[in-house]
């Protein structure tokens, strides 16, 4: 069985529900080491090392967490560079019924999506996070609404 990290590109595409023709896109290969360093920076060292151990089973929570985190971080890192079924650059948000109108994600929408991907990656790794990872997770986690009490005199 292959180790949890790095996730092979065909598996990555399956997890992220991306088209298989992206397998030949070199952007994933180029970002592999960056993603591994990002993960190394947010988890405890011995867990990071364990993610490369081929003896860790597919059903092991560590295996699952690190594979999903790798996939989420990869999409987070490559999102702006992907060109998915567009006339130009970008990620398709909506396509008109007759294929003549295509709306792409805006820069703000891409940033919001990237933040959600990072949150998902850190949440998947939550049991293995070091202090840096815990602090980043706390920083980007949505805050519950606060109750405000108003008194009328």
C-alpha atoms as a PDB file:
ATOM      1  CA  UNK A   1       0.000   0.000   0.000  1.00  0.00           C
ATOM      2  CA  UNK A   2       1.325   3.479  -0.827  1.00  0.00           C
ATOM      3  CA  UNK A   3       2.013   5.887   2.036  1.00  0.00           C
ATOM      4  CA  UNK A   4      -0.464   8.666   2.832  1.00  0.00           C
ATOM      5  CA  UNK A   5       1.903  11.316   1.456  1.00  0.00           C
ATOM      6  CA  UNK A   6       2.332  12.439  -1.223  1.00  0.00           C
ATOM      7  CA  UNK A   7      -1.030  11.651  -2.820  1.00  0.00           C
ATOM      8  CA  UNK A   8      -0.654  10.423  -6.416  1.00  0.00           C
ATOM      9  CA  UNK A   9      -2.131  12.868  -8.937  1.00  0.00           C
ATOM     10  CA  UNK A  10      -4.878  10.490 -10.193  1.00  0.00           C
ATOM     11  CA  UNK A  11      -6.033   9.977  -6.576  1.00  0.00           C
ATOM     12  CA  UNK A  12      -5.851  13.714  -5.939  1.00  0.00           C
ATOM     13  CA  UNK A  13      -8.074  14.413  -8.946  1.00  0.00           C
ATOM     14  CA  UNK A  14     -10.582  11.817  -7.749  1.00  0.00           C
ATOM     15  CA  UNK A  15     -10.740  13.231  -4.212  1.00  0.00           C
ATOM     16  CA  UNK A  16     -11.208  16.771  -5.534  1.00  0.00           C
ATOM     17  CA  UNK A  17     -13.607  15.691  -8.303  1.00  0.00           C
ATOM     18  CA  UNK A  18     -11.434  17.317 -10.955  1.00  0.00           C
ATOM     19  CA  UNK A  19     -11.326  16.187 -14.593  1.00  0.00           C
ATOM     20  CA  UNK A  20      -8.873  13.357 -15.296  1.00  0.00           C
ATOM     21  CA  UNK A  21      -7.349  15.300 -18.208  1.00  0.00           C
ATOM     22  CA  UNK A  22      -5.673  17.514 -15.587  1.00  0.00           C
ATOM     23  CA  UNK A  23      -3.372  14.593 -14.737  1.00  0.00           C
ATOM     24  CA  UNK A  24      -0.870  15.852 -17.321  1.00  0.00           C
ATOM     25  CA  UNK A  25      -0.944  19.407 -15.951  1.00  0.00           C
ATOM     26  CA  UNK A  26       2.528  20.008 -14.468  1.00  0.00           C
ATOM     27  CA  UNK A  27       1.197  22.454 -11.844  1.00  0.00           C
ATOM     28  CA  UNK A  28       0.426  19.595  -9.415  1.00  0.00           C
ATOM     29  CA  UNK A  29       3.919  18.118  -9.718  1.00  0.00           C
ATOM     30  CA  UNK A  30       5.482  21.553  -9.271  1.00  0.00           C
ATOM     31  CA  UNK A  31       3.487  22.275  -6.090  1.00  0.00           C
ATOM     32  CA  UNK A  32       4.061  18.866  -4.446  1.00  0.00           C
ATOM     33  CA  UNK A  33       7.056  19.899  -2.351  1.00  0.00           C
ATOM     34  CA  UNK A  34       5.421  23.179  -1.346  1.00  0.00           C
ATOM     35  CA  UNK A  35       2.371  21.290  -0.058  1.00  0.00           C
ATOM     36  CA  UNK A  36       4.550  18.865   1.873  1.00  0.00           C
ATOM     37  CA  UNK A  37       6.372  21.792   3.508  1.00  0.00           C
ATOM     38  CA  UNK A  38       3.081  23.488   4.383  1.00  0.00           C
ATOM     39  CA  UNK A  39       1.873  20.303   6.071  1.00  0.00           C
ATOM     40  CA  UNK A  40       5.240  19.809   7.805  1.00  0.00           C
ATOM     41  CA  UNK A  41       4.909  23.333   9.220  1.00  0.00           C
ATOM     42  CA  UNK A  42       1.534  22.732  10.889  1.00  0.00           C
ATOM     43  CA  UNK A  43       1.796  19.187  12.283  1.00  0.00           C
ATOM     44  CA  UNK A  44       3.869  17.464  14.956  1.00  0.00           C
ATOM     45  CA  UNK A  45       7.035  15.979  13.427  1.00  0.00           C
ATOM     46  CA  UNK A  46       6.486  12.324  14.331  1.00  0.00           C
ATOM     47  CA  UNK A  47       3.002  12.372  12.750  1.00  0.00           C
ATOM     48  CA  UNK A  48       4.421  13.941   9.594  1.00  0.00           C
ATOM     49  CA  UNK A  49       7.042  11.182   9.422  1.00  0.00           C
ATOM     50  CA  UNK A  50       4.361   8.527   9.978  1.00  0.00           C
ATOM     51  CA  UNK A  51       2.442   9.801   6.938  1.00  0.00           C
ATOM     52  CA  UNK A  52       5.296   8.462   4.757  1.00  0.00           C
ATOM     53  CA  UNK A  53       5.195   4.991   6.328  1.00  0.00           C
ATOM     54  CA  UNK A  54       3.631   2.500   3.872  1.00  0.00           C
ATOM     55  CA  UNK A  55       2.599   0.298   6.827  1.00  0.00           C
ATOM     56  CA  UNK A  56      -0.042   2.831   7.889  1.00  0.00           C
ATOM     57  CA  UNK A  57      -3.345   1.351   6.686  1.00  0.00           C
ATOM     58  CA  UNK A  58      -5.970   3.002   4.499  1.00  0.00           C
ATOM     59  CA  UNK A  59      -8.467   2.917   7.362  1.00  0.00           C
ATOM     60  CA  UNK A  60      -6.073   4.561   9.828  1.00  0.00           C
ATOM     61  CA  UNK A  61      -7.293   8.054  10.817  1.00  0.00           C
ATOM     62  CA  UNK A  62      -3.779   9.437  10.228  1.00  0.00           C
ATOM     63  CA  UNK A  63      -3.745   8.083   6.663  1.00  0.00           C
ATOM     64  CA  UNK A  64      -7.157   9.563   5.917  1.00  0.00           C
ATOM     65  CA  UNK A  65      -6.435  12.931   7.536  1.00  0.00           C
ATOM     66  CA  UNK A  66      -3.100  13.484   5.788  1.00  0.00           C
ATOM     67  CA  UNK A  67      -4.407  12.438   2.359  1.00  0.00           C
ATOM     68  CA  UNK A  68      -7.389  14.772   2.539  1.00  0.00           C
ATOM     69  CA  UNK A  69      -5.288  17.615   3.933  1.00  0.00           C
ATOM     70  CA  UNK A  70      -2.774  17.165   1.098  1.00  0.00           C
ATOM     71  CA  UNK A  71      -5.581  17.310  -1.477  1.00  0.00           C
ATOM     72  CA  UNK A  72      -7.210  20.387   0.078  1.00  0.00           C
ATOM     73  CA  UNK A  73      -3.871  22.193   0.352  1.00  0.00           C
ATOM     74  CA  UNK A  74      -3.021  21.271  -3.255  1.00  0.00           C
ATOM     75  CA  UNK A  75      -6.222  22.817  -4.552  1.00  0.00           C
ATOM     76  CA  UNK A  76      -5.649  25.796  -2.239  1.00  0.00           C
ATOM     77  CA  UNK A  77      -2.200  26.300  -3.754  1.00  0.00           C
ATOM     78  CA  UNK A  78      -3.082  25.735  -7.413  1.00  0.00           C
ATOM     79  CA  UNK A  79      -6.580  27.209  -7.618  1.00  0.00           C
ATOM     80  CA  UNK A  80      -5.613  30.374  -9.500  1.00  0.00           C
ATOM     81  CA  UNK A  81      -3.533  28.420 -11.996  1.00  0.00           C
ATOM     82  CA  UNK A  82      -6.166  25.930 -13.077  1.00  0.00           C
ATOM     83  CA  UNK A  83      -8.059  26.551 -16.285  1.00  0.00           C
ATOM     84  CA  UNK A  84     -11.199  24.441 -16.062  1.00  0.00           C
ATOM     85  CA  UNK A  85     -13.539  24.540 -19.066  1.00  0.00           C
ATOM     86  CA  UNK A  86     -13.209  28.271 -19.532  1.00  0.00           C
ATOM     87  CA  UNK A  87     -12.814  30.529 -22.505  1.00  0.00           C
ATOM     88  CA  UNK A  88      -9.969  32.285 -20.728  1.00  0.00           C
ATOM     89  CA  UNK A  89      -8.433  31.975 -17.280  1.00  0.00           C
ATOM     90  CA  UNK A  90     -10.222  31.041 -14.110  1.00  0.00           C
ATOM     91  CA  UNK A  91     -12.709  28.706 -12.495  1.00  0.00           C
ATOM     92  CA  UNK A  92     -16.219  28.477 -13.909  1.00  0.00           C
ATOM     93  CA  UNK A  93     -18.961  29.613 -11.542  1.00  0.00           C
ATOM     94  CA  UNK A  94     -21.946  29.285 -13.891  1.00  0.00           C
ATOM     95  CA  UNK A  95     -22.478  28.342 -17.511  1.00  0.00           C
ATOM     96  CA  UNK A  96     -25.485  29.552 -19.506  1.00  0.00           C
ATOM     97  CA  UNK A  97     -27.957  27.059 -20.931  1.00  0.00           C
ATOM     98  CA  UNK A  98     -26.681  27.570 -24.452  1.00  0.00           C
ATOM     99  CA  UNK A  99     -23.009  27.624 -23.347  1.00  0.00           C
ATOM    100  CA  UNK A 100     -22.712  31.206 -24.589  1.00  0.00           C
ATOM    101  CA  UNK A 101     -22.512  32.820 -21.150  1.00  0.00           C
ATOM    102  CA  UNK A 102     -19.780  31.792 -18.739  1.00  0.00           C
ATOM    103  CA  UNK A 103     -19.228  33.415 -15.370  1.00  0.00           C
ATOM    104  CA  UNK A 104     -15.918  32.903 -13.562  1.00  0.00           C
ATOM    105  CA  UNK A 105     -15.091  33.134  -9.895  1.00  0.00           C
ATOM    106  CA  UNK A 106     -13.949  36.603  -8.895  1.00  0.00           C
ATOM    107  CA  UNK A 107     -10.735  37.225  -6.997  1.00  0.00           C
ATOM    108  CA  UNK A 108     -12.675  37.662  -3.741  1.00  0.00           C
ATOM    109  CA  UNK A 109     -14.563  34.407  -4.337  1.00  0.00           C
ATOM    110  CA  UNK A 110     -11.295  32.572  -5.017  1.00  0.00           C
ATOM    111  CA  UNK A 111      -9.822  33.969  -1.778  1.00  0.00           C
ATOM    112  CA  UNK A 112     -12.906  32.869   0.184  1.00  0.00           C
ATOM    113  CA  UNK A 113     -12.749  29.419  -1.417  1.00  0.00           C
ATOM    114  CA  UNK A 114      -9.037  29.116  -0.596  1.00  0.00           C
ATOM    115  CA  UNK A 115      -9.741  30.007   3.032  1.00  0.00           C
ATOM    116  CA  UNK A 116     -12.397  27.270   3.185  1.00  0.00           C
ATOM    117  CA  UNK A 117      -9.943  24.776   1.698  1.00  0.00           C
ATOM    118  CA  UNK A 118      -7.304  25.703   4.271  1.00  0.00           C
ATOM    119  CA  UNK A 119      -9.883  25.381   7.049  1.00  0.00           C
ATOM    120  CA  UNK A 120     -10.842  21.917   5.768  1.00  0.00           C
ATOM    121  CA  UNK A 121      -7.193  20.844   5.594  1.00  0.00           C
ATOM    122  CA  UNK A 122      -6.440  22.035   9.118  1.00  0.00           C
ATOM    123  CA  UNK A 123      -9.661  20.524  10.449  1.00  0.00           C
ATOM    124  CA  UNK A 124      -8.730  17.170   8.907  1.00  0.00           C
ATOM    125  CA  UNK A 125      -5.330  17.412  10.609  1.00  0.00           C
ATOM    126  CA  UNK A 126      -6.685  18.750  13.921  1.00  0.00           C
ATOM    127  CA  UNK A 127      -5.564  15.708  15.952  1.00  0.00           C
ATOM    128  CA  UNK A 128      -1.996  16.087  14.639  1.00  0.00           C
ATOM    129  CA  UNK A 129      -1.460  19.863  14.709  1.00  0.00           C
ATOM    130  CA  UNK A 130       1.488  21.553  16.391  1.00  0.00           C
ATOM    131  CA  UNK A 131       1.112  24.981  18.021  1.00  0.00           C
ATOM    132  CA  UNK A 132       1.504  26.784  14.689  1.00  0.00           C
ATOM    133  CA  UNK A 133      -1.251  24.676  13.162  1.00  0.00           C
ATOM    134  CA  UNK A 134      -3.536  25.114  16.167  1.00  0.00           C
ATOM    135  CA  UNK A 135      -3.043  28.883  16.094  1.00  0.00           C
ATOM    136  CA  UNK A 136      -3.783  29.062  12.366  1.00  0.00           C
ATOM    137  CA  UNK A 137      -6.887  26.888  12.780  1.00  0.00           C
ATOM    138  CA  UNK A 138      -8.133  29.149  15.577  1.00  0.00           C
ATOM    139  CA  UNK A 139      -7.383  32.231  13.469  1.00  0.00           C
ATOM    140  CA  UNK A 140      -9.384  31.126  10.423  1.00  0.00           C
ATOM    141  CA  UNK A 141     -12.219  29.254  12.159  1.00  0.00           C
ATOM    142  CA  UNK A 142     -15.560  31.010  11.887  1.00  0.00           C
ATOM    143  CA  UNK A 143     -16.639  32.674  15.100  1.00  0.00           C
ATOM    144  CA  UNK A 144     -20.091  31.940  16.468  1.00  0.00           C
ATOM    145  CA  UNK A 145     -22.314  35.003  16.579  1.00  0.00           C
ATOM    146  CA  UNK A 146     -22.246  36.794  19.901  1.00  0.00           C
ATOM    147  CA  UNK A 147     -25.401  37.590  21.765  1.00  0.00           C
ATOM    148  CA  UNK A 148     -25.840  41.279  22.317  1.00  0.00           C
ATOM    149  CA  UNK A 149     -28.245  42.357  25.010  1.00  0.00           C
ATOM    150  CA  UNK A 150     -29.750  45.779  24.758  1.00  0.00           C
ATOM    151  CA  UNK A 151     -31.701  47.344  27.557  1.00  0.00           C
ATOM    152  CA  UNK A 152     -34.223  50.091  27.088  1.00  0.00           C
ATOM    153  CA  UNK A 153     -34.588  52.536  29.940  1.00  0.00           C
END
